[in-house]
Amino acid sequence: MAKTIKKIVCPQCGSNQVDETKKDHYICRSCNTQFFLDNDDITINHNYNTGKLNNEQGVQIAKKAIIGFSAVIFIYFAYQISRFIFADSTPAPVTTTEYNTTPPPKRDVRYVNASYSETALMIDPKGKNTIVFTGWFNDIFAEKGKENEVYTILLDATTGEEISRTLLEVDLSIKGAGTHSSKLDYYRGANDELFLIVNSYYLFLYNPSQKVFENVTESFFVKYPEFAGGVAAIESRTFDQCLTVTNNKGKQYALFADIGVVLPIDKISNIYDKKLTDPVKTTSYKFTRIGFDFPEEEIQLIQYEHWTQKGFPQYNVSFNWSKDYGRSGIFTEKSPYKKVLVMPYTKSRAKIVSIKDLTPNHTYVDGARVLVGDAESVIIAIKMSVLENETITLQKISGVDGSVLWTKKTDWKEIRSIDVEGDYILVRLDSTNIAIINKDGEIKMTSDLYELKTVGKEI
């Protein structure tokens, strides 16, 4: 009776999930404990066994193990077959791992701009116009002693594309006597040779065939006795179209290399008193300046003829209306004078033959300049007004009657320098921008020299 009233539970774990193995004998499904009921149904005797299974349970577990193992085998082979069927026919790359060969992280490329530069226009032996750019590149992050480099970069004058670049192999720490800062200068010879002066110490001559500057510092001065003991400094003297050279004894001279004349620097003006042996009449142009004596005078375009000879400098004449008293001394408002455009002394030194106001009916504002001219015509750069946003206008004027042959407006704000070679004119607009125009006023190319960079050194 008690058997039907009592709930049969495992005496070990308390589970009621039990199976009867034989009459009054049971086994717990949870912990495999075997137990039985005594005859009075009062005392429960049990046998706890964790390591033994009955035959039926062992068979069930074995079946489950076989099924599980078979499933694993099936999944493995199915995966391998699918890889074979759907795999790319391209063999996978073989990767070899080596220890201690991890590459360092890539550095960002640093570009260095030129601190300052010189530009000139040259014609190569094939007749092609080339821009010769020489820039000083200062890499402040480079190793000490290697911060500075000088490169010559050649550009196609019609496309602006880079042709080549060459590093100048010199010690840039050396500077000429009295020179305290780094510098570059171009100097033109009488036959259009292009010289480069570096740090007022090195002298280079451009070789158009090789398209490089060649160091001529030692060879260029050997034929002059004044420099037999060596050269301490070299400068370009633009006003007098010569080189200023200081020898190792500290004496300074003006060297007119094309005619082989060397003068002490304090005697440089004597070159303009020398008689020309083979003179040529040349037509040139200049705009007048507003003078102190007659500030009300308008700016004029002057055409003048003068005698010149290759190798001899042309006196840098300036035209402005002045009072010529005919002698030196102290003068008053009542002193007699002549109103002249150029003083007799200047006219003599400049070897001027004739002077003409080319455009008497035209007025110009300050800042006008001549680009290039000959007896037939002249190209000028002018502004039509003094307005701040006014840009430059190019004009070609007839050298015969002063008529305007063409007028072309540009977006240029200023012109800093020009260089003429053949039919092309190189115009430097500011510190970095240049333009190439032809003698018809057509802009062939513009370029920003700021884009000419070098790759910085690794730190």
Protein backbone atom coordinates (compact mmCIF):
# COMPACT_ATOMS: atom_id res chain seq x y z
CA MET A 1 0.00 0.00 0.00
CA ALA A 2 2.78 2.35 0.86
CA LYS A 3 4.32 1.72 -2.53
CA THR A 4 1.40 3.33 -4.21
CA ILE A 5 1.25 6.21 -1.80
CA LYS A 6 4.96 7.14 -1.64
CA LYS A 7 6.68 8.97 -4.44
CA ILE A 8 9.75 7.03 -5.48
CA VAL A 9 12.78 9.33 -5.52
CA CYS A 10 16.52 8.74 -5.64
CA PRO A 11 17.91 8.64 -2.13
CA GLN A 12 21.21 10.12 -3.42
CA CYS A 13 20.18 13.17 -5.51
CA GLY A 14 16.43 13.40 -4.92
CA SER A 15 15.46 12.97 -8.57
CA ASN A 16 12.18 11.23 -9.38
CA GLN A 17 13.45 10.25 -12.83
CA VAL A 18 14.03 6.56 -12.07
CA ASP A 19 13.70 3.31 -13.99
CA GLU A 20 12.70 -0.05 -12.51
CA THR A 21 15.29 -2.67 -13.30
CA LYS A 22 13.46 -5.53 -11.65
CA LYS A 23 10.81 -5.91 -9.01
CA ASP A 24 11.33 -3.25 -6.32
CA HIS A 25 14.77 -2.35 -7.74
CA TYR A 26 15.45 0.99 -9.42
CA ILE A 27 18.20 3.04 -11.06
CA CYS A 28 18.39 6.86 -11.08
CA ARG A 29 18.67 8.41 -14.54
CA SER A 30 20.51 11.42 -13.16
CA CYS A 31 23.28 9.95 -11.03
CA ASN A 32 23.05 6.19 -11.86
CA THR A 33 22.42 5.25 -8.22
CA GLN A 34 20.77 1.82 -7.80
CA PHE A 35 18.38 1.34 -4.91
CA PHE A 36 15.51 -0.94 -3.75
CA LEU A 37 12.58 -0.95 -1.32
CA ASP A 38 12.48 -3.41 1.62
CA ASN A 39 9.49 -5.57 2.39
CA ASP A 40 7.92 -3.10 4.82
CA ASP A 41 8.29 -0.24 2.43
CA ILE A 42 9.75 1.74 5.32
CA THR A 43 13.53 1.50 4.92
CA ILE A 44 15.17 2.41 1.64
CA ASN A 45 18.40 0.69 0.91
CA HIS A 46 20.51 2.02 -1.94
CA ASN A 47 23.74 1.37 -3.70
CA TYR A 48 25.52 4.53 -5.09
CA ASN A 49 27.68 3.68 -8.11
CA THR A 50 29.19 6.31 -10.40
CA GLY A 51 31.29 4.08 -12.61
CA LYS A 52 29.06 1.31 -13.78
CA LEU A 53 26.21 1.29 -16.23
CA ASN A 54 23.65 -1.34 -16.82
CA ASN A 55 23.67 -3.18 -20.11
CA GLU A 56 20.72 -1.39 -21.64
CA GLN A 57 22.07 2.07 -20.76
CA GLY A 58 25.53 1.17 -22.12
CA VAL A 59 24.02 0.11 -25.39
CA GLN A 60 22.15 3.42 -25.68
CA ILE A 61 25.27 5.47 -24.94
CA ALA A 62 27.31 3.47 -27.46
CA LYS A 63 24.68 4.07 -30.13
CA LYS A 64 24.73 7.81 -29.45
CA ALA A 65 28.54 7.89 -29.61
CA ILE A 66 28.59 6.10 -32.95
CA ILE A 67 25.98 8.44 -34.39
CA GLY A 68 27.89 11.54 -33.16
CA PHE A 69 31.21 10.31 -34.51
CA SER A 70 29.62 9.48 -37.88
CA ALA A 71 28.12 12.99 -38.05
CA VAL A 72 31.52 14.58 -37.43
CA ILE A 73 33.13 12.44 -40.16
CA PHE A 74 30.34 13.33 -42.58
CA ILE A 75 30.62 17.10 -41.94
CA TYR A 76 34.42 17.01 -42.38
CA PHE A 77 34.28 15.23 -45.75
CA ALA A 78 31.39 17.43 -46.96
CA TYR A 79 33.46 20.56 -46.15
CA GLN A 80 36.52 19.23 -48.00
CA ILE A 81 34.47 18.31 -51.09
CA SER A 82 32.80 21.75 -51.17
CA ARG A 83 36.22 23.46 -50.98
CA PHE A 84 37.42 21.39 -53.91
CA ILE A 85 34.34 22.13 -56.03
CA PHE A 86 34.00 25.85 -55.35
CA ALA A 87 37.63 26.84 -54.82
CA ASP A 88 39.30 29.42 -57.16
CA SER A 89 41.56 27.77 -59.73
CA THR A 90 44.31 30.29 -58.88
CA PRO A 91 46.62 28.73 -56.34
CA ALA A 92 46.76 30.58 -53.05
CA PRO A 93 49.93 32.53 -52.46
CA VAL A 94 52.45 30.96 -50.19
CA THR A 95 53.26 33.14 -47.21
CA THR A 96 56.52 32.65 -45.42
CA THR A 97 56.80 34.09 -41.96
CA GLU A 98 60.19 35.08 -40.69
CA TYR A 99 60.95 36.33 -37.24
CA ASN A 100 62.40 39.81 -36.59
CA THR A 101 61.67 41.08 -40.14
CA THR A 102 58.65 43.31 -39.49
CA PRO A 103 59.13 46.38 -41.75
CA PRO A 104 59.03 49.80 -40.09
CA PRO A 105 55.92 51.90 -40.68
CA LYS A 106 56.04 53.92 -43.89
CA ARG A 107 56.87 57.60 -43.49
CA ASP A 108 54.90 60.29 -45.23
CA VAL A 109 56.92 61.84 -48.07
CA ARG A 110 58.05 65.36 -47.21
CA TYR A 111 58.50 67.88 -49.98
CA VAL A 112 60.81 70.87 -49.73
CA ASN A 113 60.27 74.11 -51.64
CA ALA A 114 62.99 76.39 -52.90
CA SER A 115 63.81 79.20 -50.48
CA TYR A 116 64.89 81.42 -53.38
CA SER A 117 65.73 80.91 -57.02
CA GLU A 118 66.91 82.33 -60.33
CA THR A 119 65.33 81.77 -63.74
CA ALA A 120 66.56 82.39 -67.26
CA LEU A 121 65.61 81.51 -70.81
CA MET A 122 68.05 79.61 -73.01
CA ILE A 123 67.98 78.07 -76.48
CA ASP A 124 69.48 74.60 -76.72
CA PRO A 125 71.59 73.44 -79.71
CA LYS A 126 68.42 72.13 -81.39
CA GLY A 127 66.77 75.55 -81.22
CA LYS A 128 64.38 74.61 -78.42
CA ASN A 129 63.55 77.20 -75.77
CA THR A 130 64.32 76.00 -72.25
CA ILE A 131 63.74 77.58 -68.85
CA VAL A 132 66.80 77.20 -66.61
CA PHE A 133 65.67 77.29 -62.97
CA THR A 134 68.19 77.13 -60.13
CA GLY A 135 66.78 76.89 -56.62
CA TRP A 136 68.16 76.78 -53.10
CA PHE A 137 66.34 74.09 -51.11
CA ASN A 138 66.60 74.25 -47.32
CA ASP A 139 65.36 71.15 -45.47
CA ILE A 140 65.23 72.18 -41.81
CA PHE A 141 64.52 68.60 -40.72
CA ALA A 142 67.56 67.09 -42.45
CA GLU A 143 70.71 65.94 -40.72
CA LYS A 144 72.95 68.79 -39.61
CA GLY A 145 75.27 69.80 -42.41
CA LYS A 146 72.95 68.36 -45.07
CA GLU A 147 70.09 70.82 -44.79
CA ASN A 148 70.92 72.78 -47.95
CA GLU A 149 71.00 71.69 -51.58
CA VAL A 150 71.10 73.59 -54.87
CA TYR A 151 69.36 72.06 -57.89
CA THR A 152 69.20 73.22 -61.49
CA ILE A 153 65.88 72.19 -63.04
CA LEU A 154 65.20 72.52 -66.76
CA LEU A 155 61.65 73.12 -68.00
CA ASP A 156 60.19 73.04 -71.49
CA ALA A 157 59.36 76.68 -72.26
CA THR A 158 56.19 75.78 -74.18
CA THR A 159 54.68 73.11 -71.90
CA GLY A 160 56.25 73.77 -68.51
CA GLU A 161 57.14 70.09 -68.19
CA GLU A 162 60.31 69.19 -66.33
CA ILE A 163 63.13 67.99 -68.58
CA SER A 164 65.85 67.24 -66.04
CA ARG A 165 67.28 68.22 -62.68
CA THR A 166 70.89 68.28 -61.52
CA LEU A 167 72.36 68.64 -58.04
CA LEU A 168 75.27 71.07 -57.74
CA GLU A 169 78.07 69.18 -56.02
CA VAL A 170 79.72 71.91 -53.93
CA ASP A 171 80.30 72.66 -50.27
CA LEU A 172 77.54 75.16 -49.53
CA SER A 173 79.00 76.05 -46.15
CA ILE A 174 81.72 78.07 -47.92
CA LYS A 175 80.85 81.71 -48.60
CA GLY A 176 82.73 84.51 -50.29
CA ALA A 177 84.53 87.15 -48.26
CA GLY A 178 82.08 89.56 -46.67
CA THR A 179 79.11 87.32 -47.48
CA HIS A 180 76.96 86.49 -44.46
CA SER A 181 73.98 84.76 -46.04
CA SER A 182 73.44 82.16 -48.74
CA LYS A 183 72.63 83.50 -52.19
CA LEU A 184 72.26 82.68 -55.88
CA ASP A 185 72.79 85.04 -58.82
CA TYR A 186 72.63 84.71 -62.59
CA TYR A 187 74.93 86.78 -64.79
CA ARG A 188 74.69 87.15 -68.59
CA GLY A 189 77.79 87.35 -70.75
CA ALA A 190 78.00 89.42 -73.92
CA ASN A 191 77.36 86.35 -76.08
CA ASP A 192 74.34 85.29 -74.00
CA GLU A 193 76.40 82.93 -71.86
CA LEU A 194 74.64 82.15 -68.60
CA PHE A 195 76.72 82.20 -65.42
CA LEU A 196 75.63 81.13 -61.94
CA ILE A 197 77.22 82.56 -58.80
CA VAL A 198 76.68 80.58 -55.58
CA ASN A 199 77.34 82.13 -52.16
CA SER A 200 79.49 84.82 -53.83
CA TYR A 201 82.22 82.18 -54.03
CA TYR A 202 81.53 79.60 -56.77
CA LEU A 203 81.23 80.49 -60.46
CA PHE A 204 79.42 78.13 -62.84
CA LEU A 205 78.92 78.36 -66.61
CA TYR A 206 75.87 76.78 -68.24
CA ASN A 207 76.62 74.21 -70.93
CA PRO A 208 73.60 74.09 -73.31
CA SER A 209 74.74 70.83 -74.92
CA GLN A 210 75.08 68.95 -71.62
CA LYS A 211 72.22 70.91 -70.02
CA VAL A 212 74.18 71.44 -66.81
CA PHE A 213 76.16 74.13 -65.02
CA GLU A 214 79.90 73.44 -64.97
CA ASN A 215 82.16 74.72 -62.20
CA VAL A 216 84.65 77.23 -63.67
CA THR A 217 85.68 78.89 -60.40
CA GLU A 218 89.36 78.01 -60.76
CA SER A 219 89.79 78.20 -64.54
CA PHE A 220 87.90 81.42 -65.28
CA PHE A 221 90.26 83.85 -63.50
CA VAL A 222 93.71 82.35 -64.14
CA LYS A 223 94.49 84.60 -67.11
CA TYR A 224 94.16 87.78 -65.06
CA PRO A 225 97.25 88.80 -63.01
CA GLU A 226 95.04 90.59 -60.48
CA PHE A 227 93.62 87.22 -59.40
CA ALA A 228 96.77 85.10 -59.57
CA GLY A 229 96.74 84.61 -55.80
CA GLY A 230 93.16 83.37 -55.77
CA VAL A 231 89.64 84.77 -55.59
CA ALA A 232 87.88 85.48 -52.30
CA ALA A 233 84.50 86.76 -53.54
CA ILE A 234 82.48 87.13 -56.76
CA GLU A 235 79.43 89.35 -57.30
CA SER A 236 77.23 90.24 -60.26
CA ARG A 237 77.10 93.99 -60.85
CA THR A 238 73.93 94.43 -62.89
CA PHE A 239 74.11 98.22 -63.30
CA ASP A 240 77.50 98.07 -65.03
CA GLN A 241 77.04 94.62 -66.63
CA CYS A 242 80.21 93.16 -65.14
CA LEU A 243 81.55 90.99 -62.32
CA THR A 244 82.89 92.44 -59.11
CA VAL A 245 85.79 90.23 -57.98
CA THR A 246 87.73 90.40 -54.70
CA ASN A 247 91.13 88.74 -54.65
CA ASN A 248 92.69 86.99 -51.66
CA LYS A 249 94.51 90.17 -50.69
CA GLY A 250 91.18 91.95 -50.26
CA LYS A 251 91.43 94.17 -53.33
CA GLN A 252 88.23 94.58 -55.33
CA TYR A 253 88.03 94.89 -59.11
CA ALA A 254 85.44 95.23 -61.88
CA LEU A 255 85.94 92.49 -64.46
CA PHE A 256 84.59 92.99 -67.98
CA ALA A 257 85.46 89.47 -69.07
CA ASP A 258 84.16 89.71 -72.65
CA ILE A 259 86.68 92.43 -73.52
CA GLY A 260 89.36 91.38 -71.03
CA VAL A 261 89.30 94.62 -69.04
CA VAL A 262 89.98 94.71 -65.28
CA LEU A 263 89.53 98.01 -63.40
CA PRO A 264 89.89 98.87 -59.71
CA ILE A 265 86.39 99.23 -58.34
CA ASP A 266 86.81 102.97 -57.73
CA LYS A 267 87.75 103.45 -61.40
CA ILE A 268 84.79 101.56 -62.84
CA SER A 269 83.27 104.63 -64.49
CA ASN A 270 86.31 104.86 -66.76
CA ILE A 271 84.89 102.03 -68.86
CA TYR A 272 82.30 104.45 -70.31
CA ASP A 273 85.02 106.81 -71.49
CA LYS A 274 86.69 104.17 -73.62
CA LYS A 275 86.30 104.63 -77.34
CA LEU A 276 84.40 101.87 -79.11
CA THR A 277 86.51 100.23 -81.81
CA ASP A 278 83.63 98.65 -83.73
CA PRO A 279 80.44 100.52 -82.78
CA VAL A 280 76.92 99.65 -83.93
CA LYS A 281 73.96 102.05 -83.89
CA THR A 282 71.28 100.53 -81.69
CA THR A 283 67.65 101.56 -81.11
CA SER A 284 66.41 101.32 -77.53
CA TYR A 285 63.37 102.48 -75.54
CA LYS A 286 62.69 103.79 -72.04
CA PHE A 287 59.87 105.44 -70.15
CA THR A 288 60.61 108.77 -68.53
CA ARG A 289 60.49 109.29 -64.77
CA ILE A 290 58.80 112.14 -62.96
CA GLY A 291 61.62 114.54 -62.11
CA PHE A 292 62.07 116.91 -59.19
CA ASP A 293 62.32 120.01 -61.36
CA PHE A 294 59.17 119.43 -63.45
CA PRO A 295 56.82 117.07 -61.56
CA GLU A 296 53.86 118.12 -63.73
CA GLU A 297 55.32 116.47 -66.83
CA GLU A 298 53.57 113.38 -68.18
CA ILE A 299 55.32 110.03 -68.52
CA GLN A 300 56.58 109.55 -72.08
CA LEU A 301 57.84 106.60 -74.11
CA ILE A 302 61.27 107.61 -75.43
CA GLN A 303 62.94 106.05 -78.44
CA TYR A 304 66.68 106.75 -78.60
CA GLU A 305 69.57 105.71 -80.80
CA HIS A 306 73.01 105.11 -79.31
CA TRP A 307 76.33 103.51 -80.16
CA THR A 308 77.05 100.08 -78.68
CA GLN A 309 79.63 97.34 -78.98
CA LYS A 310 79.46 93.75 -77.80
CA GLY A 311 81.30 93.30 -74.50
CA PHE A 312 81.17 96.97 -73.54
CA PRO A 313 78.52 97.91 -70.98
CA GLN A 314 75.67 100.20 -71.99
CA TYR A 315 75.35 103.18 -69.71
CA ASN A 316 72.16 102.95 -67.67
CA VAL A 317 70.56 106.17 -68.81
CA SER A 318 67.52 107.69 -67.11
CA PHE A 319 65.20 110.19 -68.81
CA ASN A 320 63.44 112.89 -66.79
CA TRP A 321 62.86 116.58 -67.42
CA SER A 322 65.45 118.61 -65.53
CA LYS A 323 67.07 122.05 -65.40
CA ASP A 324 70.48 122.29 -67.04
CA TYR A 325 72.35 125.32 -65.74
CA GLY A 326 75.30 124.64 -68.02
CA ARG A 327 77.81 124.50 -65.20
CA SER A 328 78.27 123.34 -61.65
CA GLY A 329 77.65 125.60 -58.67
CA ILE A 330 74.88 126.98 -56.49
CA PHE A 331 71.77 128.21 -58.31
CA THR A 332 68.66 130.18 -57.45
CA GLU A 333 65.23 130.40 -59.02
CA LYS A 334 66.49 133.30 -61.10
CA SER A 335 69.51 131.40 -62.47
CA PRO A 336 69.22 130.75 -66.22
CA TYR A 337 68.78 127.16 -67.32
CA LYS A 338 67.70 124.95 -70.20
CA LYS A 339 64.93 122.37 -69.87
CA VAL A 340 66.43 119.06 -70.96
CA LEU A 341 65.32 115.43 -70.96
CA VAL A 342 68.83 114.11 -70.34
CA MET A 343 71.92 115.90 -69.03
CA PRO A 344 74.83 116.39 -71.47
CA TYR A 345 77.18 114.36 -69.25
CA THR A 346 74.78 111.40 -69.24
CA LYS A 347 74.12 111.74 -72.94
CA SER A 348 77.83 111.55 -73.67
CA ARG A 349 78.45 108.48 -71.52
CA ALA A 350 75.43 106.69 -72.98
CA LYS A 351 76.73 107.60 -76.46
CA ILE A 352 73.26 108.81 -77.45
CA VAL A 353 72.81 109.95 -81.04
CA SER A 354 69.11 110.91 -81.13
CA ILE A 355 66.05 111.12 -78.84
CA LYS A 356 62.38 110.96 -79.84
CA ASP A 357 59.05 110.99 -78.02
CA LEU A 358 57.57 107.95 -79.75
CA THR A 359 53.96 108.39 -78.61
CA PRO A 360 53.32 112.12 -78.02
CA ASN A 361 49.56 111.64 -77.95
CA HIS A 362 49.63 108.84 -75.37
CA THR A 363 49.71 109.21 -71.60
CA TYR A 364 51.03 106.57 -69.22
CA VAL A 365 50.82 105.93 -65.49
CA ASP A 366 53.74 105.12 -63.25
CA GLY A 367 55.06 101.55 -63.46
CA ALA A 368 55.16 101.17 -67.24
CA ARG A 369 58.11 99.18 -68.54
CA VAL A 370 59.68 98.08 -71.81
CA LEU A 371 59.85 94.34 -72.47
CA VAL A 372 61.73 94.20 -75.77
CA GLY A 373 62.29 96.44 -78.76
CA ASP A 374 64.25 97.15 -81.92
CA ALA A 375 64.13 99.73 -84.68
CA GLU A 376 60.89 98.28 -86.06
CA SER A 377 58.76 98.01 -82.91
CA VAL A 378 58.64 97.81 -79.13
CA ILE A 379 56.52 95.72 -76.73
CA ILE A 380 55.54 97.49 -73.52
CA ALA A 381 53.71 96.51 -70.32
CA ILE A 382 51.45 99.24 -68.93
CA LYS A 383 48.49 99.84 -66.66
CA MET A 384 45.60 101.92 -67.97
CA SER A 385 44.86 103.44 -64.55
CA VAL A 386 46.20 103.63 -61.00
CA LEU A 387 43.27 101.63 -59.59
CA GLU A 388 44.43 98.99 -57.13
CA ASN A 389 42.80 96.12 -59.02
CA GLU A 390 44.07 97.28 -62.43
CA THR A 391 45.99 94.58 -64.31
CA ILE A 392 48.74 94.84 -66.89
CA THR A 393 48.07 95.44 -70.58
CA LEU A 394 50.59 94.47 -73.24
CA GLN A 395 51.00 96.68 -76.29
CA LYS A 396 53.12 96.53 -79.39
CA ILE A 397 54.06 99.97 -80.71
CA SER A 398 55.46 100.78 -84.13
CA GLY A 399 59.01 102.08 -83.91
CA VAL A 400 58.44 104.09 -87.09
CA ASP A 401 55.35 106.17 -86.31
CA GLY A 402 54.34 105.21 -82.74
CA SER A 403 51.04 103.61 -83.76
CA VAL A 404 49.61 100.80 -81.64
CA LEU A 405 49.96 97.52 -83.53
CA TRP A 406 48.07 95.40 -81.00
CA THR A 407 46.82 95.52 -77.41
CA LYS A 408 46.29 92.52 -75.14
CA LYS A 409 44.93 92.52 -71.60
CA THR A 410 46.37 90.16 -68.98
CA ASP A 411 45.47 89.24 -65.41
CA TRP A 412 48.98 90.08 -64.19
CA LYS A 413 49.33 92.45 -61.26
CA GLU A 414 53.05 93.15 -61.67
CA ILE A 415 56.21 92.25 -63.56
CA ARG A 416 59.39 91.77 -61.54
CA SER A 417 61.88 90.87 -64.25
CA ILE A 418 62.15 89.77 -67.86
CA ASP A 419 64.55 87.68 -69.91
CA VAL A 420 64.51 87.64 -73.71
CA GLU A 421 65.85 84.84 -75.87
CA GLY A 422 64.99 84.57 -79.55
CA ASP A 423 61.26 85.05 -80.10
CA TYR A 424 60.31 84.24 -76.51
CA ILE A 425 60.11 86.47 -73.43
CA LEU A 426 60.25 85.02 -69.93
CA VAL A 427 58.28 87.21 -67.53
CA ARG A 428 58.65 86.76 -63.79
CA LEU A 429 55.34 87.88 -62.28
CA ASP A 430 56.14 87.47 -58.59
CA SER A 431 58.32 85.35 -56.32
CA THR A 432 57.10 82.05 -57.82
CA ASN A 433 54.94 82.62 -60.92
CA ILE A 434 56.34 83.00 -64.43
CA ALA A 435 54.90 83.30 -67.93
CA ILE A 436 56.32 82.76 -71.40
CA ILE A 437 55.03 84.99 -74.20
CA ASN A 438 56.06 85.38 -77.80
CA LYS A 439 56.57 88.65 -79.63
CA ASP A 440 52.96 88.55 -80.83
CA GLY A 441 51.82 88.83 -77.22
CA GLU A 442 50.56 85.25 -77.06
CA ILE A 443 50.96 83.61 -73.67
CA LYS A 444 52.56 80.25 -74.45
CA MET A 445 52.86 78.92 -70.92
CA THR A 446 52.47 79.86 -67.26
CA SER A 447 54.04 78.02 -64.35
CA ASP A 448 54.16 78.21 -60.58
CA LEU A 449 57.77 77.59 -59.55
CA TYR A 450 56.50 76.75 -56.05
CA GLU A 451 55.63 73.32 -57.46
CA LEU A 452 59.31 72.60 -58.17
CA LYS A 453 60.14 70.68 -55.01
CA THR A 454 62.64 68.16 -53.71
CA VAL A 455 62.00 65.17 -51.45
CA GLY A 456 63.02 65.79 -47.84
CA LYS A 457 65.61 63.63 -46.13
CA GLU A 458 64.70 60.99 -43.58
CA ILE A 459 65.01 62.28 -40.04
